[in-house]
PDB file of all heavy atoms in Angstrom:
ATOM      1  N   LYS A   1       7.562  -6.108   2.098  1.00  0.00           N
ATOM      2  CA  LYS A   1       8.802  -5.606   2.687  1.00  0.00           C
ATOM      3  C   LYS A   1       9.225  -4.275   2.072  1.00  0.00           C
ATOM      4  O   LYS A   1       9.788  -3.408   2.752  1.00  0.00           O
ATOM      5  CB  LYS A   1       9.900  -6.660   2.532  1.00  0.00           C
ATOM      6  CG  LYS A   1       9.646  -7.901   3.403  1.00  0.00           C
ATOM      7  CD  LYS A   1      10.717  -8.988   3.167  1.00  0.00           C
ATOM      8  CE  LYS A   1      10.413 -10.214   4.039  1.00  0.00           C
ATOM      9  NZ  LYS A   1      11.400 -11.322   3.790  1.00  0.00           N
ATOM     10  N   GLU A   2       8.942  -4.123   0.779  1.00  0.00           N
ATOM     11  CA  GLU A   2       9.255  -2.842   0.114  1.00  0.00           C
ATOM     12  C   GLU A   2       8.376  -1.717   0.668  1.00  0.00           C
ATOM     13  O   GLU A   2       8.849  -0.613   0.885  1.00  0.00           O
ATOM     14  CB  GLU A   2       9.069  -2.982  -1.408  1.00  0.00           C
ATOM     15  CG  GLU A   2       9.195  -1.697  -2.177  1.00  0.00           C
ATOM     16  CD  GLU A   2      10.546  -1.010  -2.040  1.00  0.00           C
ATOM     17  OE1 GLU A   2      11.538  -1.695  -1.674  1.00  0.00           O
ATOM     18  OE2 GLU A   2      10.629   0.209  -2.280  1.00  0.00           O
ATOM     19  N   LEU A   3       7.121  -2.016   0.893  1.00  0.00           N
ATOM     20  CA  LEU A   3       6.219  -1.016   1.493  1.00  0.00           C
ATOM     21  C   LEU A   3       6.681  -0.617   2.878  1.00  0.00           C
ATOM     22  O   LEU A   3       6.703   0.569   3.231  1.00  0.00           O
ATOM     23  CB  LEU A   3       4.773  -1.560   1.561  1.00  0.00           C
ATOM     24  CG  LEU A   3       4.065  -1.757   0.213  1.00  0.00           C
ATOM     25  CD1 LEU A   3       2.704  -2.411   0.445  1.00  0.00           C
ATOM     26  CD2 LEU A   3       3.891  -0.433  -0.525  1.00  0.00           C
ATOM     27  N   LEU A   4       7.097  -1.613   3.683  1.00  0.00           N
ATOM     28  CA  LEU A   4       7.621  -1.305   5.027  1.00  0.00           C
ATOM     29  C   LEU A   4       8.889  -0.491   4.946  1.00  0.00           C
ATOM     30  O   LEU A   4       9.122   0.398   5.782  1.00  0.00           O
ATOM     31  CB  LEU A   4       7.876  -2.595   5.787  1.00  0.00           C
ATOM     32  CG  LEU A   4       6.692  -3.284   6.481  1.00  0.00           C
ATOM     33  CD1 LEU A   4       7.171  -4.353   7.428  1.00  0.00           C
ATOM     34  CD2 LEU A   4       5.834  -2.271   7.244  1.00  0.00           C
ATOM     35  N   HIS A   5       9.728  -0.782   3.968  1.00  0.00           N
ATOM     36  CA  HIS A   5      10.955  -0.006   3.780  1.00  0.00           C
ATOM     37  C   HIS A   5      10.613   1.468   3.537  1.00  0.00           C
ATOM     38  O   HIS A   5      11.264   2.366   4.106  1.00  0.00           O
ATOM     39  CB  HIS A   5      11.743  -0.559   2.601  1.00  0.00           C
ATOM     40  CG  HIS A   5      12.821   0.357   2.087  1.00  0.00           C
ATOM     41  ND1 HIS A   5      13.952   0.667   2.804  1.00  0.00           N
ATOM     42  CD2 HIS A   5      12.908   1.036   0.884  1.00  0.00           C
ATOM     43  CE1 HIS A   5      14.714   1.523   2.097  1.00  0.00           C
ATOM     44  NE2 HIS A   5      14.086   1.760   0.951  1.00  0.00           N
ATOM     45  N   GLN A   6       9.629   1.707   2.684  1.00  0.00           N
ATOM     46  CA  GLN A   6       9.243   3.081   2.403  1.00  0.00           C
ATOM     47  C   GLN A   6       8.678   3.783   3.639  1.00  0.00           C
ATOM     48  O   GLN A   6       8.912   4.958   3.860  1.00  0.00           O
ATOM     49  CB  GLN A   6       8.237   3.119   1.268  1.00  0.00           C
ATOM     50  CG  GLN A   6       8.751   2.612  -0.076  1.00  0.00           C
ATOM     51  CD  GLN A   6       9.978   3.378  -0.550  1.00  0.00           C
ATOM     52  OE1 GLN A   6      10.143   4.564  -0.278  1.00  0.00           O
ATOM     53  NE2 GLN A   6      10.870   2.676  -1.262  1.00  0.00           N
ATOM     54  N   VAL A   7       7.948   3.036   4.457  1.00  0.00           N
ATOM     55  CA  VAL A   7       7.320   3.633   5.668  1.00  0.00           C
ATOM     56  C   VAL A   7       8.345   3.807   6.785  1.00  0.00           C
ATOM     57  O   VAL A   7       8.421   4.881   7.408  1.00  0.00           O
ATOM     58  CB  VAL A   7       6.161   2.738   6.143  1.00  0.00           C
ATOM     59  CG1 VAL A   7       5.668   3.189   7.543  1.00  0.00           C
ATOM     60  CG2 VAL A   7       5.020   2.782   5.145  1.00  0.00           C
ATOM     61  N   GLU A   8       9.135   2.786   7.075  1.00  0.00           N
ATOM     62  CA  GLU A   8       9.996   2.808   8.270  1.00  0.00           C
ATOM     63  C   GLU A   8      11.356   3.464   7.999  1.00  0.00           C
ATOM     64  O   GLU A   8      11.957   4.039   8.937  1.00  0.00           O
ATOM     65  CB  GLU A   8      10.211   1.401   8.784  1.00  0.00           C
ATOM     66  CG  GLU A   8       8.897   0.755   9.244  1.00  0.00           C
ATOM     67  CD  GLU A   8       9.098  -0.664   9.788  1.00  0.00           C
ATOM     68  OE1 GLU A   8      10.090  -1.326   9.382  1.00  0.00           O
ATOM     69  OE2 GLU A   8       8.244  -1.118  10.594  1.00  0.00           O
ATOM     70  N   GLU A   9      11.869   3.360   6.789  1.00  0.00           N
ATOM     71  CA  GLU A   9      13.201   3.920   6.492  1.00  0.00           C
ATOM     72  C   GLU A   9      13.157   5.214   5.703  1.00  0.00           C
ATOM     73  O   GLU A   9      13.958   6.116   5.966  1.00  0.00           O
ATOM     74  CB  GLU A   9      14.049   2.876   5.778  1.00  0.00           C
ATOM     75  CG  GLU A   9      14.274   1.609   6.599  1.00  0.00           C
ATOM     76  CD  GLU A   9      15.075   0.547   5.862  1.00  0.00           C
ATOM     77  OE1 GLU A   9      16.087   0.898   5.243  1.00  0.00           O
ATOM     78  OE2 GLU A   9      14.679  -0.635   5.882  1.00  0.00           O
ATOM     79  N   ASN A  10      12.246   5.302   4.761  1.00  0.00           N
ATOM     80  CA  ASN A  10      12.105   6.562   4.008  1.00  0.00           C
ATOM     81  C   ASN A  10      11.087   7.499   4.612  1.00  0.00           C
ATOM     82  O   ASN A  10      11.015   8.672   4.219  1.00  0.00           O
ATOM     83  CB  ASN A  10      11.754   6.273   2.541  1.00  0.00           C
ATOM     84  CG  ASN A  10      12.956   5.823   1.741  1.00  0.00           C
ATOM     85  OD1 ASN A  10      14.085   5.966   2.154  1.00  0.00           O
ATOM     86  ND2 ASN A  10      12.704   5.257   0.569  1.00  0.00           N
ATOM     87  N   HIS A  11      10.281   6.989   5.555  1.00  0.00           N
ATOM     88  CA  HIS A  11       9.272   7.816   6.249  1.00  0.00           C
ATOM     89  C   HIS A  11       8.361   8.559   5.304  1.00  0.00           C
ATOM     90  O   HIS A  11       8.063   9.751   5.500  1.00  0.00           O
ATOM     91  CB  HIS A  11      10.001   8.818   7.177  1.00  0.00           C
ATOM     92  CG  HIS A  11      10.956   8.180   8.139  1.00  0.00           C
ATOM     93  ND1 HIS A  11      10.538   7.541   9.292  1.00  0.00           N
ATOM     94  CD2 HIS A  11      12.313   8.081   8.110  1.00  0.00           C
ATOM     95  CE1 HIS A  11      11.587   7.062   9.927  1.00  0.00           C
ATOM     96  NE2 HIS A  11      12.690   7.376   9.238  1.00  0.00           N
ATOM     97  N   VAL A  12       7.889   7.849   4.253  1.00  0.00           N
ATOM     98  CA  VAL A  12       7.055   8.502   3.256  1.00  0.00           C
ATOM     99  C   VAL A  12       5.795   9.081   3.895  1.00  0.00           C
ATOM    100  O   VAL A  12       5.275   8.546   4.884  1.00  0.00           O
ATOM    101  CB  VAL A  12       6.681   7.536   2.098  1.00  0.00           C
ATOM    102  CG1 VAL A  12       7.927   7.108   1.341  1.00  0.00           C
ATOM    103  CG2 VAL A  12       5.909   6.321   2.623  1.00  0.00           C
ATOM    104  N   GLY A  13       5.284  10.124   3.278  1.00  0.00           N
ATOM    105  CA  GLY A  13       4.106  10.796   3.810  1.00  0.00           C
ATOM    106  C   GLY A  13       2.823  10.079   3.502  1.00  0.00           C
ATOM    107  O   GLY A  13       1.799  10.345   4.133  1.00  0.00           O
ATOM    108  N   GLY A  14       2.830   9.194   2.514  1.00  0.00           N
ATOM    109  CA  GLY A  14       1.626   8.474   2.135  1.00  0.00           C
ATOM    110  C   GLY A  14       1.857   7.633   0.908  1.00  0.00           C
ATOM    111  O   GLY A  14       2.965   7.450   0.440  1.00  0.00           O
ATOM    112  N   PHE A  15       0.756   7.093   0.362  1.00  0.00           N
ATOM    113  CA  PHE A  15       0.798   6.269  -0.838  1.00  0.00           C
ATOM    114  C   PHE A  15      -0.339   6.638  -1.760  1.00  0.00           C
ATOM    115  O   PHE A  15      -1.376   7.138  -1.322  1.00  0.00           O
ATOM    116  CB  PHE A  15       0.669   4.788  -0.473  1.00  0.00           C
ATOM    117  CG  PHE A  15       1.855   4.207   0.236  1.00  0.00           C
ATOM    118  CD1 PHE A  15       1.911   4.191   1.639  1.00  0.00           C
ATOM    119  CD2 PHE A  15       2.926   3.672  -0.470  1.00  0.00           C
ATOM    120  CE1 PHE A  15       3.000   3.667   2.311  1.00  0.00           C
ATOM    121  CE2 PHE A  15       4.022   3.124   0.200  1.00  0.00           C
ATOM    122  CZ  PHE A  15       4.069   3.141   1.578  1.00  0.00           C
ATOM    123  N   ILE A  16      -0.159   6.357  -3.047  1.00  0.00           N
ATOM    124  CA  ILE A  16      -1.253   6.480  -4.016  1.00  0.00           C
ATOM    125  C   ILE A  16      -1.720   5.086  -4.347  1.00  0.00           C
ATOM    126  O   ILE A  16      -0.954   4.221  -4.765  1.00  0.00           O
ATOM    127  CB  ILE A  16      -0.827   7.240  -5.292  1.00  0.00           C
ATOM    128  CG1 ILE A  16      -1.977   7.178  -6.332  1.00  0.00           C
ATOM    129  CG2 ILE A  16       0.490   6.757  -5.848  1.00  0.00           C
ATOM    130  CD1 ILE A  16      -1.754   8.029  -7.553  1.00  0.00           C
ATOM    131  N   LEU A  17      -3.026   4.845  -4.128  1.00  0.00           N
ATOM    132  CA  LEU A  17      -3.615   3.535  -4.430  1.00  0.00           C
ATOM    133  C   LEU A  17      -3.894   3.462  -5.915  1.00  0.00           C
ATOM    134  O   LEU A  17      -4.373   4.396  -6.538  1.00  0.00           O
ATOM    135  CB  LEU A  17      -4.953   3.419  -3.664  1.00  0.00           C
ATOM    136  CG  LEU A  17      -5.764   2.152  -3.935  1.00  0.00           C
ATOM    137  CD1 LEU A  17      -5.084   0.935  -3.300  1.00  0.00           C
ATOM    138  CD2 LEU A  17      -7.181   2.323  -3.398  1.00  0.00           C
ATOM    139  N   GLY A  18      -3.564   2.324  -6.522  1.00  0.00           N
ATOM    140  CA  GLY A  18      -3.746   2.207  -7.978  1.00  0.00           C
ATOM    141  C   GLY A  18      -4.176   0.868  -8.424  1.00  0.00           C
ATOM    142  O   GLY A  18      -4.594  -0.026  -7.668  1.00  0.00           O
ATOM    143  N   THR A  19      -4.024   0.685  -9.750  1.00  0.00           N
ATOM    144  CA  THR A  19      -4.324  -0.582 -10.407  1.00  0.00           C
ATOM    145  C   THR A  19      -3.017  -1.206 -10.854  1.00  0.00           C
ATOM    146  O   THR A  19      -1.956  -0.628 -10.730  1.00  0.00           O
ATOM    147  CB  THR A  19      -5.224  -0.339 -11.639  1.00  0.00           C
ATOM    148  OG1 THR A  19      -4.583   0.589 -12.517  1.00  0.00           O
ATOM    149  CG2 THR A  19      -6.583   0.219 -11.234  1.00  0.00           C
ATOM    150  N   GLN A  20      -3.103  -2.399 -11.413  1.00  0.00           N
ATOM    151  CA  GLN A  20      -1.917  -3.041 -11.973  1.00  0.00           C
ATOM    152  C   GLN A  20      -2.305  -3.904 -13.157  1.00  0.00           C
ATOM    153  O   GLN A  20      -3.484  -4.282 -13.290  1.00  0.00           O
ATOM    154  CB  GLN A  20      -1.166  -3.865 -10.936  1.00  0.00           C
ATOM    155  CG  GLN A  20      -1.885  -5.120 -10.495  1.00  0.00           C
ATOM    156  CD  GLN A  20      -1.018  -5.968  -9.519  1.00  0.00           C
ATOM    157  OE1 GLN A  20      -0.036  -5.486  -8.988  1.00  0.00           O
ATOM    158  NE2 GLN A  20      -1.417  -7.200  -9.294  1.00  0.00           N
ATOM    159  N   ARG A  21      -1.352  -4.206 -13.994  1.00  0.00           N
ATOM    160  CA  ARG A  21      -1.606  -5.063 -15.156  1.00  0.00           C
ATOM    161  C   ARG A  21      -1.495  -6.529 -14.732  1.00  0.00           C
ATOM    162  O   ARG A  21      -0.515  -6.925 -14.106  1.00  0.00           O
ATOM    163  CB  ARG A  21      -0.632  -4.770 -16.281  1.00  0.00           C
ATOM    164  CG  ARG A  21      -0.824  -3.381 -16.868  1.00  0.00           C
ATOM    165  CD  ARG A  21       0.009  -3.189 -18.136  1.00  0.00           C
ATOM    166  NE  ARG A  21      -0.157  -1.868 -18.673  1.00  0.00           N
ATOM    167  CZ  ARG A  21      -1.170  -1.491 -19.447  1.00  0.00           C
ATOM    168  NH1 ARG A  21      -2.089  -2.363 -19.782  1.00  0.00           N
ATOM    169  NH2 ARG A  21      -1.253  -0.264 -19.905  1.00  0.00           N
ATOM    170  N   GLY A  22      -2.496  -7.314 -15.096  1.00  0.00           N
ATOM    171  CA  GLY A  22      -2.486  -8.762 -14.803  1.00  0.00           C
ATOM    172  C   GLY A  22      -2.651  -9.552 -16.082  1.00  0.00           C
ATOM    173  O   GLY A  22      -2.746  -8.978 -17.185  1.00  0.00           O
ATOM    174  N   PRO A  23      -2.730 -10.836 -15.997  1.00  0.00           N
ATOM    175  CA  PRO A  23      -2.857 -11.709 -17.172  1.00  0.00           C
ATOM    176  C   PRO A  23      -4.152 -11.435 -17.965  1.00  0.00           C
ATOM    177  O   PRO A  23      -4.211 -11.719 -19.168  1.00  0.00           O
ATOM    178  CB  PRO A  23      -2.842 -13.129 -16.594  1.00  0.00           C
ATOM    179  CG  PRO A  23      -3.200 -12.957 -15.160  1.00  0.00           C
ATOM    180  CD  PRO A  23      -2.622 -11.629 -14.749  1.00  0.00           C
ATOM    181  N   LEU A  24      -5.162 -10.892 -17.307  1.00  0.00           N
ATOM    182  CA  LEU A  24      -6.430 -10.595 -17.976  1.00  0.00           C
ATOM    183  C   LEU A  24      -6.613  -9.124 -18.251  1.00  0.00           C
ATOM    184  O   LEU A  24      -7.719  -8.683 -18.601  1.00  0.00           O
ATOM    185  CB  LEU A  24      -7.581 -11.126 -17.119  1.00  0.00           C
ATOM    186  CG  LEU A  24      -7.588 -12.643 -16.843  1.00  0.00           C
ATOM    187  CD1 LEU A  24      -8.759 -13.029 -15.962  1.00  0.00           C
ATOM    188  CD2 LEU A  24      -7.626 -13.420 -18.148  1.00  0.00           C
ATOM    189  N   GLY A  25      -5.553  -8.352 -18.096  1.00  0.00           N
ATOM    190  CA  GLY A  25      -5.659  -6.920 -18.319  1.00  0.00           C
ATOM    191  C   GLY A  25      -5.494  -6.113 -17.057  1.00  0.00           C
ATOM    192  O   GLY A  25      -4.810  -6.545 -16.128  1.00  0.00           O
ATOM    193  N   ILE A  26      -6.127  -4.946 -16.984  1.00  0.00           N
ATOM    194  CA  ILE A  26      -6.019  -4.081 -15.823  1.00  0.00           C
ATOM    195  C   ILE A  26      -6.786  -4.655 -14.645  1.00  0.00           C
ATOM    196  O   ILE A  26      -7.962  -5.009 -14.754  1.00  0.00           O
ATOM    197  CB  ILE A  26      -6.555  -2.667 -16.130  1.00  0.00           C
ATOM    198  CG1 ILE A  26      -5.743  -2.025 -17.249  1.00  0.00           C
ATOM    199  CG2 ILE A  26      -6.506  -1.801 -14.869  1.00  0.00           C
ATOM    200  CD1 ILE A  26      -4.276  -1.808 -16.907  1.00  0.00           C
ATOM    201  N   GLU A  27      -6.109  -4.796 -13.510  1.00  0.00           N
ATOM    202  CA  GLU A  27      -6.714  -5.284 -12.296  1.00  0.00           C
ATOM    203  C   GLU A  27      -6.838  -4.133 -11.294  1.00  0.00           C
ATOM    204  O   GLU A  27      -5.895  -3.365 -11.077  1.00  0.00           O
ATOM    205  CB  GLU A  27      -5.876  -6.402 -11.692  1.00  0.00           C
ATOM    206  CG  GLU A  27      -5.757  -7.632 -12.564  1.00  0.00           C
ATOM    207  CD  GLU A  27      -4.850  -8.686 -11.954  1.00  0.00           C
ATOM    208  OE1 GLU A  27      -4.199  -8.386 -10.930  1.00  0.00           O
ATOM    209  OE2 GLU A  27      -4.773  -9.791 -12.501  1.00  0.00           O
ATOM    210  N   ARG A  28      -8.011  -4.026 -10.672  1.00  0.00           N
ATOM    211  CA  ARG A  28      -8.235  -2.973  -9.664  1.00  0.00           C
ATOM    212  C   ARG A  28      -7.978  -3.494  -8.263  1.00  0.00           C
ATOM    213  O   ARG A  28      -8.019  -4.715  -8.015  1.00  0.00           O
ATOM    214  CB  ARG A  28      -9.651  -2.423  -9.791  1.00  0.00           C
ATOM    215  CG  ARG A  28      -9.892  -1.640 -11.090  1.00  0.00           C
ATOM    216  CD  ARG A  28     -11.308  -1.204 -11.228  1.00  0.00           C
ATOM    217  NE  ARG A  28     -12.197  -2.335 -11.455  1.00  0.00           N
ATOM    218  CZ  ARG A  28     -13.531  -2.209 -11.655  1.00  0.00           C
ATOM    219  NH1 ARG A  28     -14.078  -1.017 -11.658  1.00  0.00           N
ATOM    220  NH2 ARG A  28     -14.273  -3.276 -11.854  1.00  0.00           N
ATOM    221  N   SER A  29      -7.724  -2.570  -7.354  1.00  0.00           N
ATOM    222  CA  SER A  29      -7.572  -2.936  -5.944  1.00  0.00           C
ATOM    223  C   SER A  29      -8.912  -3.423  -5.394  1.00  0.00           C
ATOM    224  O   SER A  29      -9.959  -3.212  -6.007  1.00  0.00           O
ATOM    225  CB  SER A  29      -7.084  -1.728  -5.140  1.00  0.00           C
ATOM    226  OG  SER A  29      -5.792  -1.338  -5.517  1.00  0.00           O
ATOM    227  N   GLN A  30      -8.860  -4.069  -4.255  1.00  0.00           N
ATOM    228  CA  GLN A  30     -10.070  -4.569  -3.614  1.00  0.00           C
ATOM    229  C   GLN A  30     -10.229  -3.890  -2.261  1.00  0.00           C
ATOM    230  O   GLN A  30      -9.253  -3.614  -1.551  1.00  0.00           O
ATOM    231  CB  GLN A  30      -9.987  -6.095  -3.447  1.00  0.00           C
ATOM    232  CG  GLN A  30      -9.882  -6.824  -4.773  1.00  0.00           C
ATOM    233  CD  GLN A  30      -9.561  -8.291  -4.619  1.00  0.00           C
ATOM    234  OE1 GLN A  30      -9.098  -8.739  -3.571  1.00  0.00           O
ATOM    235  NE2 GLN A  30      -9.784  -9.074  -5.680  1.00  0.00           N
ATOM    236  N   VAL A  31     -11.465  -3.608  -1.883  1.00  0.00           N
ATOM    237  CA  VAL A  31     -11.724  -2.705  -0.776  1.00  0.00           C
ATOM    238  C   VAL A  31     -11.232  -3.261   0.579  1.00  0.00           C
ATOM    239  O   VAL A  31     -10.603  -2.522   1.363  1.00  0.00           O
ATOM    240  CB  VAL A  31     -13.204  -2.286  -0.698  1.00  0.00           C
ATOM    241  CG1 VAL A  31     -14.112  -3.457  -0.366  1.00  0.00           C
ATOM    242  CG2 VAL A  31     -13.385  -1.142   0.274  1.00  0.00           C
ATOM    243  N   TYR A  32     -11.519  -4.506   0.902  1.00  0.00           N
ATOM    244  CA  TYR A  32     -11.083  -5.019   2.212  1.00  0.00           C
ATOM    245  C   TYR A  32      -9.579  -5.145   2.317  1.00  0.00           C
ATOM    246  O   TYR A  32      -8.996  -4.715   3.335  1.00  0.00           O
ATOM    247  CB  TYR A  32     -11.803  -6.348   2.539  1.00  0.00           C
ATOM    248  CG  TYR A  32     -13.140  -6.140   3.199  1.00  0.00           C
ATOM    249  CD1 TYR A  32     -14.311  -6.255   2.463  1.00  0.00           C
ATOM    250  CD2 TYR A  32     -13.257  -5.825   4.562  1.00  0.00           C
ATOM    251  CE1 TYR A  32     -15.558  -6.076   3.055  1.00  0.00           C
ATOM    252  CE2 TYR A  32     -14.471  -5.615   5.155  1.00  0.00           C
ATOM    253  CZ  TYR A  32     -15.646  -5.742   4.396  1.00  0.00           C
ATOM    254  OH  TYR A  32     -16.879  -5.540   5.007  1.00  0.00           O
ATOM    255  N   PRO A  33      -8.889  -5.717   1.342  1.00  0.00           N
ATOM    256  CA  PRO A  33      -7.434  -5.727   1.406  1.00  0.00           C
ATOM    257  C   PRO A  33      -6.841  -4.321   1.434  1.00  0.00           C
ATOM    258  O   PRO A  33      -5.841  -4.111   2.115  1.00  0.00           O
ATOM    259  CB  PRO A  33      -7.035  -6.454   0.113  1.00  0.00           C
ATOM    260  CG  PRO A  33      -8.191  -7.358  -0.179  1.00  0.00           C
ATOM    261  CD  PRO A  33      -9.411  -6.543   0.201  1.00  0.00           C
ATOM    262  N   THR A  34      -7.467  -3.371   0.734  1.00  0.00           N
ATOM    263  CA  THR A  34      -6.978  -1.989   0.772  1.00  0.00           C
ATOM    264  C   THR A  34      -7.063  -1.442   2.162  1.00  0.00           C
ATOM    265  O   THR A  34      -6.112  -0.828   2.680  1.00  0.00           O
ATOM    266  CB  THR A  34      -7.820  -1.096  -0.199  1.00  0.00           C
ATOM    267  OG1 THR A  34      -7.550  -1.503  -1.552  1.00  0.00           O
ATOM    268  CG2 THR A  34      -7.437   0.366  -0.038  1.00  0.00           C
ATOM    269  N   ALA A  35      -8.207  -1.611   2.785  1.00  0.00           N
ATOM    270  CA  ALA A  35      -8.387  -1.106   4.160  1.00  0.00           C
ATOM    271  C   ALA A  35      -7.434  -1.777   5.143  1.00  0.00           C
ATOM    272  O   ALA A  35      -6.833  -1.122   5.991  1.00  0.00           O
ATOM    273  CB  ALA A  35      -9.819  -1.300   4.592  1.00  0.00           C
ATOM    274  N   ALA A  36      -7.324  -3.114   5.017  1.00  0.00           N
ATOM    275  CA  ALA A  36      -6.454  -3.853   5.950  1.00  0.00           C
ATOM    276  C   ALA A  36      -4.989  -3.494   5.744  1.00  0.00           C
ATOM    277  O   ALA A  36      -4.245  -3.293   6.720  1.00  0.00           O
ATOM    278  CB  ALA A  36      -6.637  -5.351   5.731  1.00  0.00           C
ATOM    279  N   LEU A  37      -4.541  -3.388   4.495  1.00  0.00           N
ATOM    280  CA  LEU A  37      -3.149  -3.023   4.236  1.00  0.00           C
ATOM    281  C   LEU A  37      -2.848  -1.588   4.693  1.00  0.00           C
ATOM    282  O   LEU A  37      -1.780  -1.306   5.228  1.00  0.00           O
ATOM    283  CB  LEU A  37      -2.850  -3.186   2.747  1.00  0.00           C
ATOM    284  CG  LEU A  37      -1.395  -2.882   2.294  1.00  0.00           C
ATOM    285  CD1 LEU A  37      -0.397  -3.752   3.051  1.00  0.00           C
ATOM    286  CD2 LEU A  37      -1.270  -3.089   0.801  1.00  0.00           C
ATOM    287  N   THR A  38      -3.830  -0.711   4.484  1.00  0.00           N
ATOM    288  CA  THR A  38      -3.655   0.682   4.931  1.00  0.00           C
ATOM    289  C   THR A  38      -3.498   0.731   6.442  1.00  0.00           C
ATOM    290  O   THR A  38      -2.610   1.434   6.948  1.00  0.00           O
ATOM    291  CB  THR A  38      -4.873   1.536   4.502  1.00  0.00           C
ATOM    292  OG1 THR A  38      -4.943   1.547   3.075  1.00  0.00           O
ATOM    293  CG2 THR A  38      -4.765   2.951   5.015  1.00  0.00           C
ATOM    294  N   ASN A  39      -4.325  -0.004   7.164  1.00  0.00           N
ATOM    295  CA  ASN A  39      -4.195  -0.026   8.626  1.00  0.00           C
ATOM    296  C   ASN A  39      -2.830  -0.578   9.054  1.00  0.00           C
ATOM    297  O   ASN A  39      -2.190  -0.061   9.985  1.00  0.00           O
ATOM    298  CB  ASN A  39      -5.293  -0.883   9.239  1.00  0.00           C
ATOM    299  CG  ASN A  39      -6.585  -0.137   9.438  1.00  0.00           C
ATOM    300  OD1 ASN A  39      -6.664   1.076   9.179  1.00  0.00           O
ATOM    301  ND2 ASN A  39      -7.632  -0.819   9.887  1.00  0.00           N
ATOM    302  N   GLU A  40      -2.391  -1.615   8.371  1.00  0.00           N
ATOM    303  CA  GLU A  40      -1.091  -2.230   8.710  1.00  0.00           C
ATOM    304  C   GLU A  40       0.040  -1.224   8.528  1.00  0.00           C
ATOM    305  O   GLU A  40       0.921  -1.097   9.386  1.00  0.00           O
ATOM    306  CB  GLU A  40      -0.869  -3.465   7.843  1.00  0.00           C
ATOM    307  CG  GLU A  40       0.376  -4.249   8.192  1.00  0.00           C
ATOM    308  CD  GLU A  40       0.291  -4.955   9.529  1.00  0.00           C
ATOM    309  OE1 GLU A  40      -0.845  -5.156  10.045  1.00  0.00           O
ATOM    310  OE2 GLU A  40       1.362  -5.281  10.104  1.00  0.00           O
ATOM    311  N   LEU A  41       0.013  -0.520   7.428  1.00  0.00           N
ATOM    312  CA  LEU A  41       1.053   0.481   7.159  1.00  0.00           C
ATOM    313  C   LEU A  41       0.962   1.651   8.134  1.00  0.00           C
ATOM    314  O   LEU A  41       1.986   2.201   8.570  1.00  0.00           O
ATOM    315  CB  LEU A  41       0.969   0.955   5.698  1.00  0.00           C
ATOM    316  CG  LEU A  41       1.223  -0.114   4.636  1.00  0.00           C
ATOM    317  CD1 LEU A  41       0.987   0.430   3.245  1.00  0.00           C
ATOM    318  CD2 LEU A  41       2.653  -0.667   4.745  1.00  0.00           C
ATOM    319  N   GLN A  42      -0.250   2.059   8.448  1.00  0.00           N
ATOM    320  CA  GLN A  42      -0.460   3.158   9.404  1.00  0.00           C
ATOM    321  C   GLN A  42       0.153   2.816  10.756  1.00  0.00           C
ATOM    322  O   GLN A  42       0.753   3.676  11.438  1.00  0.00           O
ATOM    323  CB  GLN A  42      -1.931   3.481   9.564  1.00  0.00           C
ATOM    324  CG  GLN A  42      -2.597   4.146   8.372  1.00  0.00           C
ATOM    325  CD  GLN A  42      -2.306   5.626   8.260  1.00  0.00           C
ATOM    326  OE1 GLN A  42      -1.312   6.138   8.789  1.00  0.00           O
ATOM    327  NE2 GLN A  42      -3.153   6.320   7.532  1.00  0.00           N
ATOM    328  N   LYS A  43       0.040   1.579  11.183  1.00  0.00           N
ATOM    329  CA  LYS A  43       0.582   1.154  12.455  1.00  0.00           C
ATOM    330  C   LYS A  43       2.109   1.240  12.500  1.00  0.00           C
ATOM    331  O   LYS A  43       2.694   1.393  13.559  1.00  0.00           O
ATOM    332  CB  LYS A  43       0.110  -0.265  12.791  1.00  0.00           C
ATOM    333  CG  LYS A  43      -1.388  -0.365  13.077  1.00  0.00           C
ATOM    334  CD  LYS A  43      -1.830  -1.826  13.226  1.00  0.00           C
ATOM    335  CE  LYS A  43      -3.317  -1.923  13.412  1.00  0.00           C
ATOM    336  NZ  LYS A  43      -3.787  -3.346  13.510  1.00  0.00           N
ATOM    337  N   HIS A  44       2.737   1.088  11.336  1.00  0.00           N
ATOM    338  CA  HIS A  44       4.200   1.137  11.269  1.00  0.00           C
ATOM    339  C   HIS A  44       4.739   2.552  11.059  1.00  0.00           C
ATOM    340  O   HIS A  44       5.948   2.776  11.157  1.00  0.00           O
ATOM    341  CB  HIS A  44       4.684   0.215  10.149  1.00  0.00           C
ATOM    342  CG  HIS A  44       4.627  -1.223  10.475  1.00  0.00           C
ATOM    343  ND1 HIS A  44       5.643  -1.910  11.086  1.00  0.00           N
ATOM    344  CD2 HIS A  44       3.640  -2.141  10.264  1.00  0.00           C
ATOM    345  CE1 HIS A  44       5.324  -3.186  11.255  1.00  0.00           C
ATOM    346  NE2 HIS A  44       4.090  -3.346  10.744  1.00  0.00           N
ATOM    347  N   ALA A  45       3.847   3.484  10.714  1.00  0.00           N
ATOM    348  CA  ALA A  45       4.276   4.856  10.396  1.00  0.00           C
ATOM    349  C   ALA A  45       4.427   5.725  11.623  1.00  0.00           C
ATOM    350  O   ALA A  45       3.547   5.773  12.483  1.00  0.00           O
ATOM    351  CB  ALA A  45       3.269   5.478   9.416  1.00  0.00           C
ATOM    352  N   LYS A  46       5.559   6.417  11.707  1.00  0.00           N
ATOM    353  CA  LYS A  46       5.786   7.324  12.817  1.00  0.00           C
ATOM    354  C   LYS A  46       4.820   8.489  12.738  1.00  0.00           C
ATOM    355  O   LYS A  46       4.314   8.974  13.760  1.00  0.00           O
ATOM    356  CB  LYS A  46       7.249   7.822  12.785  1.00  0.00           C
ATOM    357  CG  LYS A  46       7.624   8.693  13.948  1.00  0.00           C
ATOM    358  CD  LYS A  46       9.099   9.078  13.899  1.00  0.00           C
ATOM    359  CE  LYS A  46       9.499   9.960  15.067  1.00  0.00           C
ATOM    360  NZ  LYS A  46      10.944  10.283  15.038  1.00  0.00           N
ATOM    361  N   THR A  47       4.596   9.001  11.543  1.00  0.00           N
ATOM    362  CA  THR A  47       3.640  10.092  11.286  1.00  0.00           C
ATOM    363  C   THR A  47       2.514   9.530  10.437  1.00  0.00           C
ATOM    364  O   THR A  47       2.759   8.715   9.537  1.00  0.00           O
ATOM    365  CB  THR A  47       4.329  11.247  10.509  1.00  0.00           C
ATOM    366  OG1 THR A  47       5.481  11.670  11.245  1.00  0.00           O
ATOM    367  CG2 THR A  47       3.405  12.410  10.304  1.00  0.00           C
TER     368      THR A  47
END
């Protein structure tokens, strides 16, 4: 919902893909979820 807020209300120009800290240390993004989430956000973006 926060990502949609940035896309639909703040009309952000894009996102930076990154890592995050997890219980086992630094966790990297995964390629299929990255692609799927990117498509989902693109569909909601006016630009």
